Protein backbone atom coordinates (compact mmCIF):
# COMPACT_ATOMS: atom_id res chain seq x y z
CA UNK A 1 15.91 -3.88 39.38
CA UNK A 2 19.35 -2.37 38.84
CA UNK A 3 20.59 -5.80 37.76
CA UNK A 4 17.87 -6.02 35.06
CA UNK A 5 19.05 -2.75 33.53
CA UNK A 6 22.59 -3.98 33.03
CA UNK A 7 22.27 -7.72 32.41
CA UNK A 8 22.61 -8.83 28.81
CA UNK A 9 20.43 -11.82 27.86
CA UNK A 10 22.03 -11.80 24.38
CA UNK A 11 25.81 -12.28 23.93
CA UNK A 12 27.77 -9.12 23.08
CA UNK A 13 28.97 -10.49 19.73
CA UNK A 14 25.40 -11.41 18.76
CA UNK A 15 24.25 -7.86 19.51
CA UNK A 16 27.15 -6.35 17.54
CA UNK A 17 26.62 -8.60 14.51
CA UNK A 18 22.88 -7.87 14.48
CA UNK A 19 23.50 -4.11 14.65
CA UNK A 20 26.07 -4.10 11.84
CA UNK A 21 23.93 -6.36 9.64
CA UNK A 22 20.88 -4.10 10.00
CA UNK A 23 23.02 -0.99 9.43
CA UNK A 24 24.51 -2.39 6.21
CA UNK A 25 21.09 -3.55 5.03
CA UNK A 26 19.55 -0.11 5.59
CA UNK A 27 22.44 1.68 3.87
CA UNK A 28 22.06 -0.59 0.84
CA UNK A 29 18.24 -0.41 0.85
CA UNK A 30 18.19 3.38 1.03
CA UNK A 31 20.79 3.56 -1.75
CA UNK A 32 18.68 1.30 -3.98
CA UNK A 33 15.39 3.09 -3.27
CA UNK A 34 16.89 6.44 -4.16
CA UNK A 35 17.69 9.87 -2.83
CA UNK A 36 14.02 10.73 -2.54
CA UNK A 37 13.78 8.74 0.69
CA UNK A 38 15.97 11.30 2.45
CA UNK A 39 15.17 14.39 0.37
CA UNK A 40 12.44 15.82 2.65
CA UNK A 41 10.22 16.34 -0.36
CA UNK A 42 7.27 14.32 0.84
CA UNK A 43 5.86 13.70 4.33
CA UNK A 44 4.95 10.14 3.34
CA UNK A 45 8.63 9.32 2.77
CA UNK A 46 9.43 10.67 6.24
CA UNK A 47 6.78 8.41 7.75
CA UNK A 48 8.29 5.43 5.91
CA UNK A 49 11.69 6.21 7.43
CA UNK A 50 10.20 6.40 10.91
CA UNK A 51 8.36 3.12 10.48
CA UNK A 52 11.44 1.51 8.98
CA UNK A 53 13.41 2.26 12.14
CA UNK A 54 10.69 0.69 14.26
CA UNK A 55 10.48 -2.33 11.95
CA UNK A 56 14.16 -3.23 12.22
CA UNK A 57 14.38 -2.52 15.96
CA UNK A 58 13.78 -6.14 16.98
CA UNK A 59 16.33 -7.36 14.46
CA UNK A 60 18.92 -5.29 16.33
CA UNK A 61 17.92 -5.88 19.93
CA UNK A 62 16.52 -9.39 19.63
CA UNK A 63 15.02 -10.56 22.92
CA UNK A 64 17.16 -8.02 24.84
CA UNK A 65 15.30 -5.09 26.40
CA UNK A 66 18.06 -4.12 28.81
CA UNK A 67 19.54 -0.66 29.04
CA UNK A 68 23.01 -2.06 28.46
CA UNK A 69 21.84 -3.94 25.36
CA UNK A 70 20.22 -0.83 23.89
CA UNK A 71 23.27 1.28 24.59
CA UNK A 72 25.55 -1.37 23.10
CA UNK A 73 23.43 -1.50 19.94
CA UNK A 74 23.58 2.29 19.65
CA UNK A 75 27.36 2.33 20.12
CA UNK A 76 27.83 -0.37 17.47
CA UNK A 77 25.59 1.54 15.00
CA UNK A 78 27.50 4.77 15.59
CA UNK A 79 30.85 2.99 15.23
CA UNK A 80 29.76 1.24 12.02
CA UNK A 81 28.59 4.56 10.59
CA UNK A 82 31.84 6.26 11.57
CA UNK A 83 33.85 3.47 9.94
CA UNK A 84 31.87 3.59 6.70
CA UNK A 85 32.08 7.40 6.54
CA UNK A 86 35.82 7.28 7.24
CA UNK A 87 36.47 4.67 4.55
CA UNK A 88 34.25 6.50 2.04
CA UNK A 89 36.00 9.80 2.80
CA UNK A 90 39.26 8.38 1.53
CA UNK A 91 37.71 6.82 -1.57
CA UNK A 92 35.68 8.93 -4.03
CA UNK A 93 34.72 5.74 -5.89
CA UNK A 94 33.27 4.18 -2.72
CA UNK A 95 31.48 7.44 -1.89
CA UNK A 96 29.79 7.40 -5.31
CA UNK A 97 28.91 3.72 -4.84
CA UNK A 98 27.32 4.33 -1.43
CA UNK A 99 25.71 7.71 -2.06
CA UNK A 100 25.23 7.83 -5.80
CA UNK A 101 25.61 10.98 -7.84
CA UNK A 102 23.86 14.27 -8.38
CA UNK A 103 20.66 14.18 -10.46
CA UNK A 104 20.01 17.34 -12.49
CA UNK A 105 16.27 18.04 -12.50
CA UNK A 106 16.31 21.46 -14.20
CA UNK A 107 19.04 22.64 -16.55
CA UNK A 108 19.09 26.28 -17.70
CA UNK A 109 15.40 26.64 -16.88
CA UNK A 110 14.37 23.47 -18.73
CA UNK A 111 12.69 20.70 -16.74
CA UNK A 112 14.18 17.23 -17.19
CA UNK A 113 11.06 15.09 -16.94
CA UNK A 114 12.97 11.82 -17.26
CA UNK A 115 15.08 12.74 -14.21
CA UNK A 116 11.91 13.55 -12.26
CA UNK A 117 10.45 10.17 -13.18
CA UNK A 118 13.67 8.41 -12.21
CA UNK A 119 13.61 10.04 -8.75
CA UNK A 120 9.80 9.71 -8.45
CA UNK A 121 9.35 13.43 -7.85
CA UNK A 122 6.26 15.19 -9.16
CA UNK A 123 6.50 18.61 -10.73
CA UNK A 124 4.38 19.98 -7.87
CA UNK A 125 6.79 18.58 -5.25
CA UNK A 126 9.72 20.03 -7.17
CA UNK A 127 8.11 23.46 -7.42
CA UNK A 128 7.30 23.48 -3.70
CA UNK A 129 10.93 22.67 -2.88
CA UNK A 130 12.28 25.23 -5.38
CA UNK A 131 10.01 27.99 -4.03
CA UNK A 132 11.37 27.45 -0.52
CA UNK A 133 14.75 28.48 -1.93
CA UNK A 134 13.44 31.71 -3.41
CA UNK A 135 12.98 30.73 -7.07
CA UNK A 136 9.36 31.01 -8.16
CA UNK A 137 9.51 29.59 -11.67
CA UNK A 138 11.76 27.00 -13.26
CA UNK A 139 12.89 29.25 -16.10
CA UNK A 140 14.48 31.49 -13.42
CA UNK A 141 16.70 28.58 -12.32
CA UNK A 142 20.01 27.87 -13.99
CA UNK A 143 20.26 24.53 -12.20
CA UNK A 144 18.10 22.46 -9.86
CA UNK A 145 19.75 19.25 -8.71
CA UNK A 146 18.99 16.49 -6.23
CA UNK A 147 22.26 15.87 -4.40
CA UNK A 148 23.41 12.41 -3.28
CA UNK A 149 22.52 13.29 0.33
CA UNK A 150 18.94 14.15 -0.66
CA UNK A 151 19.38 17.93 -0.49
CA UNK A 152 17.96 20.03 -3.30
CA UNK A 153 20.39 22.54 -4.80
CA UNK A 154 18.86 25.51 -6.60
CA UNK A 155 21.09 27.92 -8.51
CA UNK A 156 19.14 30.96 -9.71
CA UNK A 157 19.87 32.27 -13.18
CA UNK A 158 22.43 35.08 -13.26
CA UNK A 159 20.27 37.78 -14.83
CA UNK A 160 22.91 40.48 -14.34
CA UNK A 161 25.47 38.43 -16.27
CA UNK A 162 22.98 37.88 -19.11
CA UNK A 163 22.18 41.59 -19.26
CA UNK A 164 25.89 42.46 -19.36
CA UNK A 165 26.43 40.00 -22.25
CA UNK A 166 23.53 41.55 -24.16
CA UNK A 167 24.95 45.03 -23.58
CA UNK A 168 28.36 43.91 -24.89
CA UNK A 169 26.70 42.49 -28.03
CA UNK A 170 24.76 45.69 -28.60
CA UNK A 171 27.91 47.71 -28.04
CA UNK A 172 29.80 45.56 -30.55
CA UNK A 173 27.02 46.01 -33.12
CA UNK A 174 27.01 49.77 -32.60
CA UNK A 175 30.79 49.91 -33.00
CA UNK A 176 30.53 47.87 -36.21
CA UNK A 177 27.86 50.16 -37.70
CA UNK A 178 29.75 53.39 -36.88
CA UNK A 179 32.91 52.34 -38.72
């Protein structure tokens, strides 16, 4: 029994190549399908990610169900990820290529419907995500952006700054009329 846990029916190099190939495929596929897949905006997308991991499992492990084979596959995946992150860290161009850029969904309270369509996000999904960050209507947001990592950034409008600008304008008008 102990022997079965540690014996590798698949050569080490085969296991490593399979793991790296699946890793690179998934990185590319998730990049192409968009940030929505990791944005936590929709439970269906989460289910797809879970099923995706199960779908590619056999491509990584092949006919190997040993403990050593599974651990080796995990180590290779972690090492490949570390290498890609390390290389991307030193290269902003590669980071943009792998992760993409920020997508502005709301700018100064105005919804960008074309950006929503591009990211396949409904207005209802956007509002649900925005409300979780304390903004209850889009016109109260200065910026809502979908970040390359799938996180949603919400910057509330600076109402105090707007009020101060209005007060300065009123003050300037009053000064001009009293002269």
